[in-house]
Protein backbone atom coordinates (compact mmCIF):
# COMPACT_ATOMS: atom_id res chain seq x y z
CA MET A 1 -80.93 -4.97 18.59
CA LYS A 2 -80.37 -1.37 17.47
CA THR A 3 -83.21 1.08 16.89
CA ARG A 4 -83.53 1.63 13.14
CA ILE A 5 -83.69 5.35 12.36
CA ALA A 6 -85.01 7.11 9.25
CA VAL A 7 -83.95 10.72 8.72
CA LEU A 8 -86.34 12.89 6.67
CA VAL A 9 -84.69 15.77 4.81
CA SER A 10 -85.46 18.47 2.25
CA GLY A 11 -82.26 20.48 1.77
CA GLY A 12 -78.54 20.62 2.44
CA GLY A 13 -78.55 18.03 5.18
CA THR A 14 -76.26 19.65 7.77
CA ASN A 15 -78.33 18.13 10.60
CA LEU A 16 -78.18 14.77 8.82
CA GLN A 17 -74.39 15.15 8.65
CA ALA A 18 -74.26 15.83 12.40
CA LEU A 19 -76.17 12.57 12.95
CA LEU A 20 -73.98 10.59 10.54
CA ASP A 21 -70.81 11.95 12.19
CA ALA A 22 -72.15 11.15 15.66
CA GLU A 23 -73.01 7.61 14.60
CA ALA A 24 -69.54 7.12 13.08
CA GLN A 25 -68.00 8.34 16.36
CA GLY A 26 -70.06 5.87 18.40
CA ARG A 27 -72.26 8.53 20.00
CA ILE A 28 -75.55 6.83 19.00
CA PRO A 29 -74.79 3.31 20.28
CA HIS A 30 -78.46 2.28 20.54
CA GLY A 31 -79.42 3.46 17.04
CA GLU A 32 -78.43 3.09 13.42
CA ILE A 33 -79.30 5.46 10.60
CA ALA A 34 -80.89 2.96 8.26
CA LEU A 35 -82.65 5.22 5.75
CA VAL A 36 -82.73 8.80 4.46
CA VAL A 37 -85.95 10.03 2.82
CA SER A 38 -86.24 13.30 0.91
CA ASN A 39 -89.21 15.09 -0.63
CA ASN A 40 -86.74 17.00 -2.83
CA PRO A 41 -84.78 15.06 -5.48
CA LYS A 42 -82.15 17.85 -5.60
CA ALA A 43 -81.47 17.86 -1.85
CA TYR A 44 -77.73 17.74 -1.14
CA ALA A 45 -78.64 15.59 1.88
CA LEU A 46 -79.07 12.70 -0.59
CA GLU A 47 -75.40 13.05 -1.56
CA ARG A 48 -74.44 12.98 2.12
CA ALA A 49 -76.41 9.76 2.56
CA LYS A 50 -74.70 8.23 -0.49
CA GLN A 51 -71.24 9.17 0.80
CA ALA A 52 -72.07 7.53 4.14
CA GLY A 53 -73.43 4.40 2.47
CA VAL A 54 -76.95 4.92 3.83
CA PRO A 55 -79.86 3.90 1.56
CA ALA A 56 -81.98 6.83 0.41
CA ALA A 57 -85.43 7.28 -1.11
CA VAL A 58 -87.05 10.24 -2.84
CA LEU A 59 -90.77 10.83 -2.49
CA ASP A 60 -92.02 13.21 -5.18
CA LYS A 61 -94.64 15.84 -4.42
CA ALA A 62 -97.27 14.35 -6.74
CA GLY A 63 -100.67 13.54 -5.31
CA SER A 64 -102.42 14.57 -2.13
CA GLN A 65 -100.95 14.89 1.35
CA ALA A 66 -102.67 11.61 2.29
CA ASP A 67 -101.12 9.91 -0.74
CA PHE A 68 -97.67 11.29 0.19
CA GLU A 69 -98.01 10.05 3.77
CA ASP A 70 -99.24 6.62 2.65
CA ARG A 71 -96.18 6.23 0.40
CA LEU A 72 -93.91 7.39 3.23
CA GLN A 73 -95.54 4.92 5.64
CA ARG A 74 -94.99 2.04 3.20
CA ILE A 75 -91.29 2.88 2.75
CA LEU A 76 -90.75 3.11 6.51
CA GLU A 77 -92.54 -0.18 7.15
CA LEU A 78 -90.60 -1.97 4.39
CA ASP A 79 -87.33 -0.85 5.98
CA GLY A 80 -88.38 -1.84 9.49
CA ILE A 81 -87.95 1.71 10.79
CA ASP A 82 -88.49 2.29 14.53
CA LEU A 83 -87.74 6.02 14.88
CA ILE A 84 -88.12 9.01 12.53
CA ILE A 85 -86.00 12.15 12.77
CA LEU A 86 -87.09 15.27 10.90
CA ALA A 87 -83.88 17.12 10.01
CA GLY A 88 -84.82 20.16 7.94
CA PHE A 89 -87.84 18.38 6.49
CA MET A 90 -90.00 21.11 4.95
CA ARG A 91 -93.32 19.37 4.93
CA ILE A 92 -95.83 19.28 7.78
CA LEU A 93 -97.02 15.78 8.68
CA THR A 94 -100.69 15.48 9.58
CA GLY A 95 -102.17 13.98 12.72
CA ARG A 96 -103.28 11.03 10.62
CA PHE A 97 -99.63 10.14 10.08
CA THR A 98 -98.13 11.19 13.43
CA ALA A 99 -100.74 9.14 15.33
CA LYS A 100 -99.16 6.01 13.82
CA TRP A 101 -95.79 6.99 15.33
CA PRO A 102 -96.52 8.11 18.93
CA ASN A 103 -93.28 9.30 20.61
CA ARG A 104 -91.33 7.95 17.64
CA ILE A 105 -90.86 11.12 15.56
CA LEU A 106 -88.28 13.73 16.59
CA ASN A 107 -87.93 17.23 15.17
CA VAL A 108 -85.26 19.85 15.72
CA HIS A 109 -86.54 23.44 15.77
CA PRO A 110 -84.21 26.48 15.77
CA SER A 111 -85.67 28.30 18.78
CA LEU A 112 -86.40 27.74 22.44
CA ILE A 113 -89.98 26.48 22.15
CA PRO A 114 -92.54 27.96 22.92
CA ALA A 115 -90.83 31.04 21.44
CA PHE A 116 -90.92 31.56 17.65
CA CYS A 117 -92.52 28.26 16.73
CA GLY A 118 -95.62 26.81 15.10
CA GLN A 119 -97.16 27.36 11.69
CA GLY A 120 -95.01 29.53 9.42
CA PHE A 121 -91.91 29.53 11.64
CA TYR A 122 -89.14 27.72 9.80
CA GLY A 123 -85.68 28.42 8.39
CA LEU A 124 -84.53 32.04 8.49
CA ARG A 125 -88.02 33.24 9.50
CA VAL A 126 -87.38 31.97 13.04
CA HIS A 127 -84.14 33.96 13.38
CA GLU A 128 -85.65 37.06 11.76
CA ALA A 129 -88.44 36.95 14.37
CA ALA A 130 -85.97 36.49 17.24
CA LEU A 131 -83.93 39.51 16.11
CA ALA A 132 -87.05 41.62 15.53
CA ARG A 133 -88.22 40.85 19.08
CA GLY A 134 -84.82 41.75 20.52
CA VAL A 135 -84.30 38.58 22.55
CA LYS A 136 -80.86 38.09 24.12
CA LEU A 137 -81.06 34.30 24.12
CA THR A 138 -82.34 31.91 21.50
CA GLY A 139 -81.36 28.33 20.80
CA ALA A 140 -82.74 25.03 19.60
CA THR A 141 -85.27 22.46 20.77
CA VAL A 142 -85.63 18.78 19.96
CA HIS A 143 -89.18 17.65 20.55
CA TYR A 144 -91.46 14.74 19.79
CA VAL A 145 -93.83 15.40 16.89
CA ASN A 146 -97.60 15.30 17.17
CA GLU A 147 -100.46 16.80 15.14
CA ILE A 148 -99.62 20.37 16.27
CA PRO A 149 -96.64 22.01 14.49
CA ASP A 150 -93.82 22.24 17.08
CA GLY A 151 -96.37 21.18 19.71
CA GLY A 152 -95.10 17.80 20.94
CA PRO A 153 -93.31 17.09 24.23
CA ILE A 154 -89.84 18.66 24.53
CA LEU A 155 -86.91 16.28 24.83
CA LEU A 156 -83.88 18.62 24.90
CA GLN A 157 -83.13 22.35 24.64
CA LYS A 158 -79.94 24.37 24.43
CA ALA A 159 -79.62 28.15 24.65
CA VAL A 160 -77.46 30.28 22.34
CA GLU A 161 -76.55 33.93 22.92
CA VAL A 162 -77.80 36.54 20.45
CA LEU A 163 -75.06 39.05 19.61
CA PRO A 164 -75.69 42.76 18.86
CA GLU A 165 -74.24 42.49 15.33
CA ASP A 166 -76.20 39.36 14.40
CA THR A 167 -78.01 38.99 11.10
CA PRO A 168 -80.56 36.19 10.57
CA GLU A 169 -77.86 34.30 8.65
CA THR A 170 -75.13 34.57 11.33
CA LEU A 171 -77.61 33.67 14.05
CA GLN A 172 -78.88 30.68 12.07
CA ARG A 173 -75.31 29.40 11.66
CA ARG A 174 -74.47 29.81 15.34
CA VAL A 175 -77.68 28.11 16.48
CA MET A 176 -76.84 25.17 14.20
CA GLU A 177 -73.24 24.90 15.37
CA GLN A 178 -73.82 25.50 19.08
CA ALA A 179 -77.19 23.82 19.56
CA GLU A 180 -78.78 21.83 16.72
CA TRP A 181 -75.74 19.74 15.77
CA ILE A 182 -75.11 18.93 19.45
CA LEU A 183 -78.70 18.29 20.54
CA LEU A 184 -79.87 16.16 17.64
CA PRO A 185 -77.41 13.27 18.13
CA GLN A 186 -78.02 13.38 21.90
CA ALA A 187 -81.79 13.21 21.34
CA ALA A 188 -81.40 10.43 18.76
CA GLU A 189 -79.49 8.34 21.31
CA LEU A 190 -81.98 9.09 24.10
CA ALA A 191 -84.96 8.09 21.97
CA ALA A 192 -83.18 5.10 20.42
CA ARG A 193 -82.18 3.81 23.86
CA GLN A 194 -85.75 4.13 25.17
CA LEU A 195 -87.11 2.19 22.19
CA ALA A 196 -84.38 -0.46 22.45
CA GLU A 197 -85.22 -0.97 26.13
CA GLN A 198 -88.93 -1.32 25.30
CA ALA A 199 -88.28 -3.88 22.54
């Protein structure tokens, strides 16, 4: 029995594409991407899901955070989801929600946690902070999600060199290509295998 994975997205979906490609290549043998959920109806990630034949759902921003999380929980339960992967999902999930999914939510963050992480560190802001600090190495981290932003146990990390001529944009691209797109499928398989073995 494969671990059923839901991928939560908000934007272009490059990390989702890395997962879809890895699954197609047989690199996530213990998991299947069963659902894509977006909080943005215009997210290109939804088109990627459609092209891959993966069912997708859009959760609008109406209502409170609790209402949003209740709707999300219902969708995940209806689809029999076992594991959640946050792949560029631009909404913080509260402890009320994450407590229902202990060690079953993964997030990819574009730095070597504990550097440049936590509240307010997302997207280009992370790379701007790394360049401003003058670090020579950055990278990406896949971690389990708990009630603290970027605070859950680390599963995998990969370092990426910072080059003298880097801009936030070039660094972001290199971290995606050399770390995020490699780590996320590996982490998905690790977590999916653990859950499959527990089932």
